[in-house]
Amino acid sequence: MKLKWYGHASFLITADNGLKIITDPYEPGGYDGAIGYGEIPDTPDIVLCSHDHADHGYTKGLKGEFEVVNKSGVTVVKGIEFKGVEAYHDTEEGQQRGTIIIYTFAIDGVNICHLGDLGHEIDDALAEKIGDVDVLLIPVGGMFTINGNVADRVIEKINPKIVIPMHYKTDKCGFPLARIEEFIDRKRNVSLMATDEIAITKETLPKNQMIMLLDHAL
């Protein structure tokens, strides 16, 4: 499989058979220009939306015909089982910003987890619901999601092989989020990929956990 980071919390995941999954599509120019990432050019088969905010659930801007997954529980689309686990967008059990859906699914034998706009630490019960994870897509920018310090503890609970940070301040993001340097400061298991897309197979997963930083494609 290949994984490309468009920007914010949006990724393109392409299976070896060509099937394309897009996570959390955003509205280009949304929030008075705070979403500076460009229009998503690819045509998906499946779209995952962790919640219906314009920077995570803007399906109107996508091309072609596709199926949307936007609920908790198990949903099977085109032979892929998506497990949606409900969590909160804040530290007050959704009282501030509501709920979100965490998705876990397997592509070409690689278990992927997209945490959406997770806004709180996770306990053992939630970690158990999430299950085994090879590749964790995790917000680290704070403000509207968990920050880097909380992300460290979430990563420890889930214990993936690969960590890919998302939802942080970049030159295309106008939200007052933390920059990636605040998350990776003093960490030694960080790889600057210098690309927006990487190929991942079950056989090439690292033995020791790695944080992989992607460039945003758009």
N, C-alpha and C. Protein backbone atom coordinates (compact mmCIF):
# COMPACT_ATOMS: atom_id res chain seq x y z
N MET A 1 0.83 -1.19 0.00
CA MET A 1 0.00 0.00 0.00
C MET A 1 0.87 1.25 0.00
N LYS A 2 0.27 2.34 -0.49
CA LYS A 2 0.93 3.63 -0.44
C LYS A 2 0.09 4.59 0.39
N LEU A 3 0.76 5.47 1.11
CA LEU A 3 0.08 6.44 1.95
C LEU A 3 0.62 7.83 1.64
N LYS A 4 -0.28 8.74 1.28
CA LYS A 4 0.09 10.12 0.96
C LYS A 4 -0.63 11.07 1.90
N TRP A 5 0.11 12.06 2.42
CA TRP A 5 -0.50 13.09 3.27
C TRP A 5 -0.82 14.30 2.42
N TYR A 6 -2.12 14.60 2.28
CA TYR A 6 -2.52 15.82 1.59
C TYR A 6 -2.21 17.04 2.45
N GLY A 7 -2.51 16.92 3.75
CA GLY A 7 -2.39 18.02 4.69
C GLY A 7 -3.48 17.90 5.73
N HIS A 8 -3.29 18.58 6.87
CA HIS A 8 -4.23 18.57 7.99
C HIS A 8 -4.44 17.12 8.44
N ALA A 9 -5.64 16.56 8.38
CA ALA A 9 -5.87 15.17 8.77
C ALA A 9 -6.26 14.31 7.57
N SER A 10 -5.98 14.80 6.38
CA SER A 10 -6.42 14.12 5.16
C SER A 10 -5.28 13.35 4.50
N PHE A 11 -5.53 12.06 4.27
CA PHE A 11 -4.57 11.18 3.64
C PHE A 11 -5.23 10.45 2.48
N LEU A 12 -4.42 10.05 1.53
CA LEU A 12 -4.82 9.12 0.48
C LEU A 12 -4.10 7.80 0.73
N ILE A 13 -4.87 6.74 0.87
CA ILE A 13 -4.31 5.41 1.05
C ILE A 13 -4.68 4.59 -0.17
N THR A 14 -3.67 4.10 -0.87
CA THR A 14 -3.89 3.35 -2.11
C THR A 14 -3.44 1.92 -1.92
N ALA A 15 -4.38 0.98 -2.07
CA ALA A 15 -4.06 -0.44 -1.92
C ALA A 15 -3.32 -0.95 -3.15
N ASP A 16 -2.71 -2.09 -3.02
CA ASP A 16 -1.97 -2.67 -4.15
C ASP A 16 -2.87 -2.95 -5.34
N ASN A 17 -4.16 -3.18 -5.10
CA ASN A 17 -5.09 -3.43 -6.22
C ASN A 17 -5.66 -2.15 -6.82
N GLY A 18 -5.18 -0.99 -6.34
CA GLY A 18 -5.61 0.29 -6.90
C GLY A 18 -6.73 0.98 -6.16
N LEU A 19 -7.37 0.31 -5.21
CA LEU A 19 -8.45 0.92 -4.45
C LEU A 19 -7.92 2.10 -3.66
N LYS A 20 -8.69 3.21 -3.67
CA LYS A 20 -8.24 4.45 -3.03
C LYS A 20 -9.18 4.85 -1.90
N ILE A 21 -8.59 5.15 -0.76
CA ILE A 21 -9.32 5.61 0.42
C ILE A 21 -8.80 6.99 0.80
N ILE A 22 -9.72 7.92 1.00
CA ILE A 22 -9.35 9.26 1.46
C ILE A 22 -9.92 9.45 2.87
N THR A 23 -9.09 9.96 3.77
CA THR A 23 -9.54 10.23 5.13
C THR A 23 -9.76 11.72 5.33
N ASP A 24 -10.78 12.06 6.09
CA ASP A 24 -11.05 13.42 6.56
C ASP A 24 -10.77 14.51 5.52
N PRO A 25 -11.52 14.52 4.41
CA PRO A 25 -11.32 15.58 3.41
C PRO A 25 -11.73 16.94 3.96
N TYR A 26 -10.97 17.96 3.61
CA TYR A 26 -11.19 19.32 4.11
C TYR A 26 -11.78 20.21 3.01
N GLU A 27 -12.29 21.35 3.42
CA GLU A 27 -12.78 22.34 2.48
C GLU A 27 -11.66 23.34 2.20
N PRO A 28 -11.09 23.34 0.99
CA PRO A 28 -10.03 24.30 0.69
C PRO A 28 -10.53 25.73 0.89
N GLY A 29 -9.77 26.53 1.62
CA GLY A 29 -10.16 27.91 1.90
C GLY A 29 -11.17 28.05 3.02
N GLY A 30 -11.54 26.93 3.64
CA GLY A 30 -12.52 26.97 4.71
C GLY A 30 -12.04 27.71 5.94
N TYR A 31 -12.97 28.05 6.80
CA TYR A 31 -12.68 28.80 8.02
C TYR A 31 -11.93 30.11 7.69
N ASP A 32 -12.53 30.87 6.76
CA ASP A 32 -11.98 32.17 6.36
C ASP A 32 -10.53 32.07 5.91
N GLY A 33 -10.23 31.00 5.18
CA GLY A 33 -8.90 30.84 4.62
C GLY A 33 -7.91 30.11 5.51
N ALA A 34 -8.34 29.69 6.71
CA ALA A 34 -7.42 28.98 7.60
C ALA A 34 -6.98 27.64 7.02
N ILE A 35 -7.85 27.04 6.20
CA ILE A 35 -7.46 25.82 5.50
C ILE A 35 -6.86 26.21 4.16
N GLY A 36 -5.55 26.31 4.14
CA GLY A 36 -4.86 26.75 2.94
C GLY A 36 -4.42 25.62 2.02
N TYR A 37 -4.68 24.39 2.40
CA TYR A 37 -4.31 23.26 1.56
C TYR A 37 -5.18 23.26 0.30
N GLY A 38 -4.61 22.76 -0.80
CA GLY A 38 -5.28 22.82 -2.09
C GLY A 38 -6.37 21.79 -2.27
N GLU A 39 -7.09 21.92 -3.37
CA GLU A 39 -8.17 20.99 -3.71
C GLU A 39 -7.62 19.58 -3.89
N ILE A 40 -8.32 18.60 -3.35
CA ILE A 40 -7.91 17.21 -3.47
C ILE A 40 -8.18 16.72 -4.88
N PRO A 41 -7.15 16.30 -5.63
CA PRO A 41 -7.32 15.97 -7.04
C PRO A 41 -7.73 14.52 -7.32
N ASP A 42 -7.53 13.64 -6.37
CA ASP A 42 -7.72 12.21 -6.63
C ASP A 42 -9.18 11.80 -6.54
N THR A 43 -9.51 10.70 -7.21
CA THR A 43 -10.85 10.15 -7.21
C THR A 43 -10.90 8.94 -6.28
N PRO A 44 -11.56 9.05 -5.13
CA PRO A 44 -11.56 7.94 -4.17
C PRO A 44 -12.63 6.91 -4.48
N ASP A 45 -12.43 5.72 -3.93
CA ASP A 45 -13.47 4.70 -3.90
C ASP A 45 -14.24 4.75 -2.57
N ILE A 46 -13.51 5.09 -1.50
CA ILE A 46 -14.07 5.14 -0.15
C ILE A 46 -13.56 6.40 0.54
N VAL A 47 -14.44 7.05 1.30
CA VAL A 47 -14.05 8.23 2.07
C VAL A 47 -14.42 8.01 3.53
N LEU A 48 -13.46 8.21 4.42
CA LEU A 48 -13.69 8.13 5.86
C LEU A 48 -13.79 9.54 6.43
N CYS A 49 -14.81 9.81 7.22
CA CYS A 49 -14.98 11.10 7.86
C CYS A 49 -15.10 10.90 9.37
N SER A 50 -14.16 11.45 10.12
CA SER A 50 -14.19 11.28 11.57
C SER A 50 -15.27 12.10 12.23
N HIS A 51 -15.66 13.22 11.62
CA HIS A 51 -16.78 14.03 12.08
C HIS A 51 -17.12 15.02 10.97
N ASP A 52 -18.18 15.81 11.17
CA ASP A 52 -18.71 16.59 10.06
C ASP A 52 -18.23 18.04 10.01
N HIS A 53 -17.15 18.38 10.70
CA HIS A 53 -16.60 19.72 10.58
C HIS A 53 -15.99 19.91 9.19
N ALA A 54 -15.96 21.15 8.72
CA ALA A 54 -15.55 21.42 7.34
C ALA A 54 -14.11 21.06 7.05
N ASP A 55 -13.28 20.93 8.07
CA ASP A 55 -11.88 20.55 7.84
C ASP A 55 -11.66 19.05 8.00
N HIS A 56 -12.78 18.28 8.11
CA HIS A 56 -12.65 16.83 8.28
C HIS A 56 -13.71 16.02 7.55
N GLY A 57 -14.77 16.67 7.07
CA GLY A 57 -15.85 15.92 6.46
C GLY A 57 -16.42 16.57 5.21
N TYR A 58 -15.58 17.26 4.46
CA TYR A 58 -16.04 17.99 3.27
C TYR A 58 -15.97 17.09 2.05
N THR A 59 -17.00 16.30 1.87
CA THR A 59 -17.01 15.35 0.76
C THR A 59 -17.47 15.99 -0.55
N LYS A 60 -18.11 17.17 -0.48
CA LYS A 60 -18.64 17.80 -1.69
C LYS A 60 -17.54 18.14 -2.69
N GLY A 61 -16.34 18.35 -2.20
CA GLY A 61 -15.27 18.75 -3.10
C GLY A 61 -14.55 17.61 -3.78
N LEU A 62 -14.96 16.37 -3.50
CA LEU A 62 -14.27 15.22 -4.07
C LEU A 62 -14.87 14.80 -5.40
N LYS A 63 -14.05 14.20 -6.24
CA LYS A 63 -14.47 13.80 -7.59
C LYS A 63 -14.99 12.37 -7.61
N GLY A 64 -15.82 12.08 -8.59
CA GLY A 64 -16.25 10.72 -8.85
C GLY A 64 -17.32 10.20 -7.91
N GLU A 65 -17.56 8.90 -8.00
CA GLU A 65 -18.53 8.23 -7.15
C GLU A 65 -17.78 7.44 -6.09
N PHE A 66 -18.21 7.57 -4.86
CA PHE A 66 -17.52 6.92 -3.75
C PHE A 66 -18.51 6.65 -2.63
N GLU A 67 -18.12 5.74 -1.74
CA GLU A 67 -18.92 5.44 -0.56
C GLU A 67 -18.30 6.12 0.65
N VAL A 68 -19.16 6.68 1.49
CA VAL A 68 -18.71 7.40 2.68
C VAL A 68 -18.94 6.55 3.92
N VAL A 69 -17.93 6.47 4.76
CA VAL A 69 -18.03 5.82 6.07
C VAL A 69 -17.92 6.92 7.12
N ASN A 70 -18.96 7.08 7.94
CA ASN A 70 -18.97 8.18 8.90
C ASN A 70 -19.70 7.80 10.19
N LYS A 71 -19.56 6.54 10.59
CA LYS A 71 -20.27 6.09 11.79
C LYS A 71 -19.43 5.08 12.55
N SER A 72 -19.80 4.90 13.81
CA SER A 72 -19.12 3.91 14.64
C SER A 72 -19.63 2.51 14.30
N GLY A 73 -18.97 1.51 14.87
CA GLY A 73 -19.33 0.14 14.57
C GLY A 73 -18.54 -0.39 13.39
N VAL A 74 -18.89 -1.56 12.93
CA VAL A 74 -18.18 -2.20 11.81
C VAL A 74 -18.94 -1.94 10.52
N THR A 75 -18.22 -1.42 9.53
CA THR A 75 -18.79 -1.17 8.20
C THR A 75 -17.89 -1.84 7.18
N VAL A 76 -18.46 -2.66 6.32
CA VAL A 76 -17.69 -3.34 5.28
C VAL A 76 -18.01 -2.70 3.94
N VAL A 77 -16.96 -2.19 3.29
CA VAL A 77 -17.11 -1.54 1.99
C VAL A 77 -16.06 -2.11 1.05
N LYS A 78 -16.50 -2.61 -0.08
CA LYS A 78 -15.59 -3.15 -1.10
C LYS A 78 -14.61 -4.16 -0.51
N GLY A 79 -15.12 -4.97 0.40
CA GLY A 79 -14.33 -6.04 0.99
C GLY A 79 -13.43 -5.63 2.14
N ILE A 80 -13.44 -4.36 2.52
CA ILE A 80 -12.59 -3.88 3.61
C ILE A 80 -13.46 -3.60 4.83
N GLU A 81 -13.03 -4.11 5.97
CA GLU A 81 -13.76 -3.91 7.21
C GLU A 81 -13.21 -2.69 7.94
N PHE A 82 -14.06 -1.70 8.12
CA PHE A 82 -13.70 -0.49 8.85
C PHE A 82 -14.37 -0.54 10.22
N LYS A 83 -13.55 -0.44 11.25
CA LYS A 83 -14.07 -0.43 12.62
C LYS A 83 -14.03 1.00 13.14
N GLY A 84 -15.21 1.54 13.43
CA GLY A 84 -15.31 2.89 13.96
C GLY A 84 -15.56 2.88 15.45
N VAL A 85 -14.71 3.58 16.19
CA VAL A 85 -14.82 3.65 17.65
C VAL A 85 -15.08 5.10 18.04
N GLU A 86 -16.14 5.34 18.79
CA GLU A 86 -16.49 6.71 19.17
C GLU A 86 -15.56 7.21 20.26
N ALA A 87 -15.14 8.47 20.11
CA ALA A 87 -14.32 9.15 21.11
C ALA A 87 -14.77 10.61 21.15
N TYR A 88 -14.02 11.44 21.89
CA TYR A 88 -14.45 12.82 22.06
C TYR A 88 -13.47 13.80 21.42
N HIS A 89 -14.04 14.95 21.01
CA HIS A 89 -13.28 16.02 20.37
C HIS A 89 -12.67 16.95 21.41
N ASP A 90 -12.88 16.68 22.68
CA ASP A 90 -12.41 17.57 23.75
C ASP A 90 -12.17 16.74 25.01
N THR A 91 -11.83 17.41 26.08
CA THR A 91 -11.55 16.72 27.35
C THR A 91 -12.77 16.67 28.25
N GLU A 92 -13.92 17.11 27.76
CA GLU A 92 -15.13 17.18 28.58
C GLU A 92 -16.24 16.29 28.03
N GLU A 93 -15.84 15.12 27.53
CA GLU A 93 -16.78 14.12 27.01
C GLU A 93 -17.72 14.70 25.96
N GLY A 94 -17.16 15.54 25.10
CA GLY A 94 -17.90 16.07 23.97
C GLY A 94 -18.72 17.31 24.26
N GLN A 95 -18.66 17.84 25.46
CA GLN A 95 -19.47 19.00 25.81
C GLN A 95 -19.05 20.25 25.04
N GLN A 96 -17.78 20.34 24.64
CA GLN A 96 -17.31 21.52 23.91
C GLN A 96 -17.43 21.35 22.40
N ARG A 97 -16.96 20.21 21.88
CA ARG A 97 -16.89 20.07 20.42
C ARG A 97 -17.50 18.77 19.90
N GLY A 98 -18.16 18.02 20.75
CA GLY A 98 -18.85 16.84 20.28
C GLY A 98 -17.98 15.59 20.22
N THR A 99 -18.43 14.62 19.44
CA THR A 99 -17.74 13.34 19.33
C THR A 99 -17.04 13.21 17.99
N ILE A 100 -16.13 12.26 17.94
CA ILE A 100 -15.45 11.92 16.69
C ILE A 100 -15.42 10.40 16.57
N ILE A 101 -15.08 9.92 15.38
CA ILE A 101 -14.93 8.48 15.16
C ILE A 101 -13.47 8.17 14.85
N ILE A 102 -12.92 7.25 15.61
CA ILE A 102 -11.59 6.70 15.32
C ILE A 102 -11.79 5.50 14.41
N TYR A 103 -11.02 5.42 13.33
CA TYR A 103 -11.15 4.30 12.39
C TYR A 103 -9.91 3.42 12.41
N THR A 104 -10.13 2.12 12.43
CA THR A 104 -9.06 1.17 12.21
C THR A 104 -9.47 0.23 11.08
N PHE A 105 -8.49 -0.12 10.25
CA PHE A 105 -8.76 -0.98 9.10
C PHE A 105 -7.44 -1.53 8.58
N ALA A 106 -7.52 -2.60 7.82
CA ALA A 106 -6.32 -3.25 7.28
C ALA A 106 -6.31 -3.13 5.77
N ILE A 107 -5.16 -2.70 5.25
CA ILE A 107 -4.93 -2.63 3.80
C ILE A 107 -3.67 -3.42 3.49
N ASP A 108 -3.80 -4.43 2.65
CA ASP A 108 -2.66 -5.25 2.26
C ASP A 108 -1.89 -5.78 3.47
N GLY A 109 -2.64 -6.17 4.50
CA GLY A 109 -2.03 -6.75 5.68
C GLY A 109 -1.46 -5.78 6.68
N VAL A 110 -1.62 -4.48 6.43
CA VAL A 110 -1.11 -3.44 7.33
C VAL A 110 -2.29 -2.81 8.08
N ASN A 111 -2.24 -2.84 9.40
CA ASN A 111 -3.31 -2.28 10.23
C ASN A 111 -3.11 -0.78 10.44
N ILE A 112 -4.09 -0.01 10.02
CA ILE A 112 -4.00 1.45 10.07
C ILE A 112 -5.03 1.98 11.05
N CYS A 113 -4.65 3.00 11.81
CA CYS A 113 -5.58 3.69 12.70
C CYS A 113 -5.49 5.19 12.46
N HIS A 114 -6.63 5.81 12.18
CA HIS A 114 -6.73 7.26 12.00
C HIS A 114 -7.50 7.80 13.20
N LEU A 115 -6.85 8.65 13.99
CA LEU A 115 -7.44 9.12 15.24
C LEU A 115 -8.32 10.35 15.07
N GLY A 116 -8.45 10.88 13.86
CA GLY A 116 -9.30 12.04 13.65
C GLY A 116 -8.90 13.20 14.54
N ASP A 117 -9.90 13.92 15.06
CA ASP A 117 -9.65 15.05 15.96
C ASP A 117 -9.73 14.62 17.42
N LEU A 118 -9.02 13.58 17.77
CA LEU A 118 -9.04 13.10 19.15
C LEU A 118 -8.67 14.23 20.10
N GLY A 119 -9.49 14.44 21.12
CA GLY A 119 -9.27 15.57 22.01
C GLY A 119 -8.92 15.21 23.43
N HIS A 120 -8.61 13.94 23.70
CA HIS A 120 -8.38 13.52 25.08
C HIS A 120 -7.46 12.31 25.11
N GLU A 121 -6.92 12.04 26.29
CA GLU A 121 -6.13 10.83 26.48
C GLU A 121 -7.04 9.61 26.35
N ILE A 122 -6.46 8.48 26.02
CA ILE A 122 -7.25 7.26 25.94
C ILE A 122 -6.91 6.35 27.11
N ASP A 123 -7.90 5.60 27.55
CA ASP A 123 -7.67 4.65 28.63
C ASP A 123 -7.47 3.24 28.05
N ASP A 124 -7.27 2.29 28.92
CA ASP A 124 -7.02 0.92 28.47
C ASP A 124 -8.21 0.36 27.69
N ALA A 125 -9.41 0.72 28.11
CA ALA A 125 -10.61 0.20 27.45
C ALA A 125 -10.69 0.70 26.02
N LEU A 126 -10.40 1.98 25.79
CA LEU A 126 -10.45 2.51 24.44
C LEU A 126 -9.30 1.95 23.60
N ALA A 127 -8.14 1.80 24.20
CA ALA A 127 -7.01 1.21 23.48
C ALA A 127 -7.33 -0.21 23.04
N GLU A 128 -8.04 -0.95 23.90
CA GLU A 128 -8.42 -2.33 23.55
C GLU A 128 -9.41 -2.34 22.39
N LYS A 129 -10.34 -1.38 22.37
CA LYS A 129 -11.30 -1.29 21.27
C LYS A 129 -10.58 -0.98 19.96
N ILE A 130 -9.57 -0.13 20.03
CA ILE A 130 -8.81 0.22 18.83
C ILE A 130 -8.06 -1.01 18.30
N GLY A 131 -7.47 -1.77 19.18
CA GLY A 131 -6.82 -3.01 18.79
C GLY A 131 -5.39 -2.83 18.30
N ASP A 132 -4.90 -3.84 17.59
CA ASP A 132 -3.52 -3.83 17.10
C ASP A 132 -3.37 -2.83 15.96
N VAL A 133 -2.32 -2.04 16.03
CA VAL A 133 -2.09 -0.98 15.03
C VAL A 133 -0.65 -1.05 14.55
N ASP A 134 -0.47 -1.05 13.24
CA ASP A 134 0.86 -0.95 12.65
C ASP A 134 1.21 0.51 12.35
N VAL A 135 0.25 1.25 11.77
CA VAL A 135 0.48 2.63 11.36
C VAL A 135 -0.56 3.52 12.05
N LEU A 136 -0.08 4.46 12.85
CA LEU A 136 -0.97 5.34 13.60
C LEU A 136 -0.88 6.76 13.04
N LEU A 137 -2.03 7.30 12.62
CA LEU A 137 -2.13 8.67 12.13
C LEU A 137 -2.71 9.50 13.27
N ILE A 138 -1.90 10.38 13.85
CA ILE A 138 -2.24 10.99 15.13
C ILE A 138 -2.10 12.51 15.11
N PRO A 139 -3.12 13.24 15.62
CA PRO A 139 -3.00 14.70 15.73
C PRO A 139 -2.05 15.07 16.86
N VAL A 140 -1.26 16.14 16.64
CA VAL A 140 -0.29 16.54 17.67
C VAL A 140 -0.29 18.04 17.91
N GLY A 141 -1.16 18.79 17.23
CA GLY A 141 -1.07 20.24 17.25
C GLY A 141 -1.73 20.95 18.40
N GLY A 142 -2.51 20.23 19.24
CA GLY A 142 -3.17 20.87 20.36
C GLY A 142 -4.30 21.79 19.91
N MET A 143 -4.78 22.63 20.80
CA MET A 143 -5.86 23.58 20.58
C MET A 143 -7.20 22.88 20.37
N PHE A 144 -7.39 22.22 19.23
CA PHE A 144 -8.64 21.52 18.94
C PHE A 144 -8.50 20.01 19.11
N THR A 145 -7.28 19.54 19.34
CA THR A 145 -7.01 18.11 19.49
C THR A 145 -6.02 17.93 20.64
N ILE A 146 -5.57 16.71 20.83
CA ILE A 146 -4.50 16.48 21.79
C ILE A 146 -3.23 17.18 21.33
N ASN A 147 -2.39 17.55 22.31
CA ASN A 147 -1.10 18.15 21.98
C ASN A 147 -0.01 17.08 21.98
N GLY A 148 1.20 17.51 21.77
CA GLY A 148 2.30 16.56 21.66
C GLY A 148 2.52 15.73 22.90
N ASN A 149 2.38 16.35 24.08
CA ASN A 149 2.61 15.60 25.32
C ASN A 149 1.57 14.51 25.50
N VAL A 150 0.31 14.84 25.24
CA VAL A 150 -0.75 13.82 25.35
C VAL A 150 -0.57 12.77 24.26
N ALA A 151 -0.16 13.22 23.06
CA ALA A 151 0.07 12.28 21.97
C ALA A 151 1.11 11.24 22.35
N ASP A 152 2.13 11.65 23.07
CA ASP A 152 3.14 10.69 23.52
C ASP A 152 2.51 9.57 24.33
N ARG A 153 1.59 9.93 25.20
CA ARG A 153 0.96 8.93 26.06
C ARG A 153 -0.03 8.05 25.28
N VAL A 154 -0.69 8.65 24.30
CA VAL A 154 -1.59 7.87 23.44
C VAL A 154 -0.79 6.85 22.64
N ILE A 155 0.34 7.29 22.10
CA ILE A 155 1.22 6.40 21.34
C ILE A 155 1.69 5.24 22.22
N GLU A 156 2.02 5.54 23.46
CA GLU A 156 2.47 4.49 24.37
C GLU A 156 1.36 3.46 24.59
N LYS A 157 0.11 3.92 24.70
CA LYS A 157 -1.02 3.01 24.90
C LYS A 157 -1.25 2.12 23.67
N ILE A 158 -1.20 2.72 22.48
CA ILE A 158 -1.53 1.98 21.26
C ILE A 158 -0.34 1.15 20.77
N ASN A 159 0.88 1.71 20.92
CA ASN A 159 2.12 1.02 20.59
C ASN A 159 2.19 0.56 19.13
N PRO A 160 2.09 1.49 18.19
CA PRO A 160 2.20 1.13 16.77
C PRO A 160 3.66 0.98 16.35
N LYS A 161 3.86 0.46 15.14
CA LYS A 161 5.21 0.37 14.58
C LYS A 161 5.62 1.70 13.94
N ILE A 162 4.66 2.36 13.28
CA ILE A 162 4.92 3.62 12.61
C ILE A 162 3.95 4.67 13.13
N VAL A 163 4.47 5.85 13.46
CA VAL A 163 3.66 6.99 13.88
C VAL A 163 3.78 8.08 12.83
N ILE A 164 2.66 8.54 12.30
CA ILE A 164 2.68 9.64 11.33
C ILE A 164 1.87 10.79 11.91
N PRO A 165 2.53 11.87 12.32
CA PRO A 165 1.82 13.02 12.90
C PRO A 165 1.00 13.75 11.84
N MET A 166 -0.08 14.37 12.30
CA MET A 166 -0.96 15.17 11.44
C MET A 166 -1.56 16.29 12.28
N HIS A 167 -2.32 17.15 11.63
CA HIS A 167 -3.10 18.18 12.32
C HIS A 167 -2.20 19.06 13.19
N TYR A 168 -1.19 19.65 12.56
CA TYR A 168 -0.32 20.60 13.24
C TYR A 168 -0.09 21.80 12.32
N LYS A 169 0.55 22.81 12.86
CA LYS A 169 0.76 24.06 12.13
C LYS A 169 1.75 23.87 10.98
N THR A 170 1.35 24.30 9.78
CA THR A 170 2.25 24.34 8.63
C THR A 170 2.05 25.68 7.93
N ASP A 171 2.77 25.87 6.83
CA ASP A 171 2.61 27.11 6.07
C ASP A 171 1.25 27.21 5.40
N LYS A 172 0.50 26.11 5.35
CA LYS A 172 -0.82 26.11 4.73
C LYS A 172 -1.96 26.06 5.76
N CYS A 173 -1.61 26.09 7.02
CA CYS A 173 -2.63 25.98 8.07
C CYS A 173 -2.65 27.26 8.90
N GLY A 174 -3.79 27.95 8.88
CA GLY A 174 -3.92 29.21 9.61
C GLY A 174 -4.41 29.06 11.04
N PHE A 175 -4.75 27.85 11.44
CA PHE A 175 -5.19 27.64 12.83
C PHE A 175 -4.00 27.82 13.78
N PRO A 176 -4.26 28.26 15.01
CA PRO A 176 -3.17 28.47 15.98
C PRO A 176 -2.73 27.16 16.64
N LEU A 177 -2.23 26.25 15.82
CA LEU A 177 -1.78 24.96 16.33
C LEU A 177 -0.28 24.99 16.61
N ALA A 178 0.20 24.02 17.33
CA ALA A 178 1.63 23.90 17.57
C ALA A 178 2.32 23.38 16.31
N ARG A 179 3.56 23.78 16.12
CA ARG A 179 4.36 23.28 15.01
C ARG A 179 4.93 21.91 15.36
N ILE A 180 5.33 21.18 14.34
CA ILE A 180 5.78 19.81 14.54
C ILE A 180 7.02 19.73 15.43
N GLU A 181 7.83 20.78 15.44
CA GLU A 181 9.05 20.77 16.25
C GLU A 181 8.75 20.55 17.73
N GLU A 182 7.59 21.03 18.17
CA GLU A 182 7.24 20.86 19.58
C GLU A 182 6.95 19.40 19.92
N PHE A 183 6.55 18.62 18.92
CA PHE A 183 6.29 17.20 19.16
C PHE A 183 7.56 16.36 19.05
N ILE A 184 8.40 16.68 18.10
CA ILE A 184 9.57 15.82 17.86
C ILE A 184 10.80 16.24 18.65
N ASP A 185 10.71 17.37 19.38
CA ASP A 185 11.85 17.86 20.13
C ASP A 185 12.39 16.79 21.07
N ARG A 186 13.66 16.53 20.96
CA ARG A 186 14.41 15.58 21.80
C ARG A 186 14.06 14.12 21.54
N LYS A 187 13.26 13.84 20.53
CA LYS A 187 12.99 12.45 20.17
C LYS A 187 14.06 11.96 19.20
N ARG A 188 14.45 10.70 19.33
CA ARG A 188 15.51 10.15 18.50
C ARG A 188 14.99 9.21 17.42
N ASN A 189 13.75 8.80 17.54
CA ASN A 189 13.20 7.83 16.58
C ASN A 189 12.38 8.53 15.49
N VAL A 190 12.92 9.65 14.98
CA VAL A 190 12.21 10.46 13.99
C VAL A 190 12.92 10.36 12.65
N SER A 191 12.13 10.12 11.60
CA SER A 191 12.67 10.06 10.25
C SER A 191 11.98 11.12 9.40
N LEU A 192 12.77 12.05 8.86
CA LEU A 192 12.24 13.07 7.96
C LEU A 192 12.19 12.46 6.56
N MET A 193 11.00 12.16 6.08
CA MET A 193 10.87 11.40 4.85
C MET A 193 11.14 12.24 3.60
N ALA A 194 11.01 13.57 3.69
CA ALA A 194 11.26 14.47 2.56
C ALA A 194 10.42 14.10 1.34
N THR A 195 9.21 13.64 1.59
CA THR A 195 8.27 13.28 0.54
C THR A 195 6.88 13.33 1.12
N ASP A 196 5.87 13.40 0.25
CA ASP A 196 4.49 13.40 0.75
C ASP A 196 3.87 12.01 0.71
N GLU A 197 4.59 11.02 0.15
CA GLU A 197 4.02 9.69 0.00
C GLU A 197 5.05 8.63 0.30
N ILE A 198 4.63 7.59 1.02
CA ILE A 198 5.52 6.47 1.30
C ILE A 198 4.80 5.16 1.00
N ALA A 199 5.58 4.13 0.71
CA ALA A 199 5.06 2.78 0.52
C ALA A 199 5.31 1.99 1.80
N ILE A 200 4.31 1.25 2.24
CA ILE A 200 4.40 0.47 3.47
C ILE A 200 3.90 -0.94 3.19
N THR A 201 4.67 -1.93 3.60
CA THR A 201 4.23 -3.32 3.52
C THR A 201 4.39 -3.95 4.90
N LYS A 202 3.69 -5.06 5.09
CA LYS A 202 3.81 -5.77 6.36
C LYS A 202 5.25 -6.21 6.60
N GLU A 203 5.92 -6.60 5.52
CA GLU A 203 7.29 -7.13 5.63
C GLU A 203 8.31 -6.04 5.97
N THR A 204 8.02 -4.80 5.61
CA THR A 204 9.00 -3.73 5.81
C THR A 204 8.68 -2.84 7.01
N LEU A 205 7.70 -3.24 7.84
CA LEU A 205 7.44 -2.47 9.05
C LEU A 205 8.68 -2.50 9.94
N PRO A 206 9.03 -1.39 10.56
CA PRO A 206 10.25 -1.36 11.39
C PRO A 206 10.09 -2.21 12.64
N LYS A 207 11.19 -2.77 13.10
CA LYS A 207 11.16 -3.56 14.33
C LYS A 207 10.97 -2.66 15.54
N ASN A 208 11.59 -1.49 15.49
CA ASN A 208 11.46 -0.52 16.56
C ASN A 208 10.61 0.65 16.06
N GLN A 209 9.78 1.17 16.94
CA GLN A 209 8.84 2.22 16.56
C GLN A 209 9.55 3.43 15.95
N MET A 210 8.98 3.92 14.83
CA MET A 210 9.52 5.09 14.14
C MET A 210 8.43 6.14 13.97
N ILE A 211 8.82 7.40 14.15
CA ILE A 211 7.97 8.53 13.80
C ILE A 211 8.40 9.01 12.44
N MET A 212 7.49 8.99 11.48
CA MET A 212 7.81 9.38 10.11
C MET A 212 7.08 10.67 9.77
N LEU A 213 7.84 11.70 9.41
CA LEU A 213 7.27 13.00 9.06
C LEU A 213 7.16 13.11 7.55
N LEU A 214 5.95 13.34 7.08
CA LEU A 214 5.71 13.53 5.66
C LEU A 214 5.56 15.01 5.34
N ASP A 215 5.91 15.40 4.13
CA ASP A 215 5.57 16.72 3.63
C ASP A 215 4.10 16.71 3.22
N HIS A 216 3.43 17.85 3.33
CA HIS A 216 2.06 17.88 2.83
C HIS A 216 2.08 18.03 1.31
N ALA A 217 1.23 17.27 0.64
CA ALA A 217 1.22 17.24 -0.82
C ALA A 217 0.54 18.46 -1.42
N LEU A 218 -0.41 19.06 -0.68
CA LEU A 218 -1.23 20.11 -1.25
C LEU A 218 -1.11 21.42 -0.46
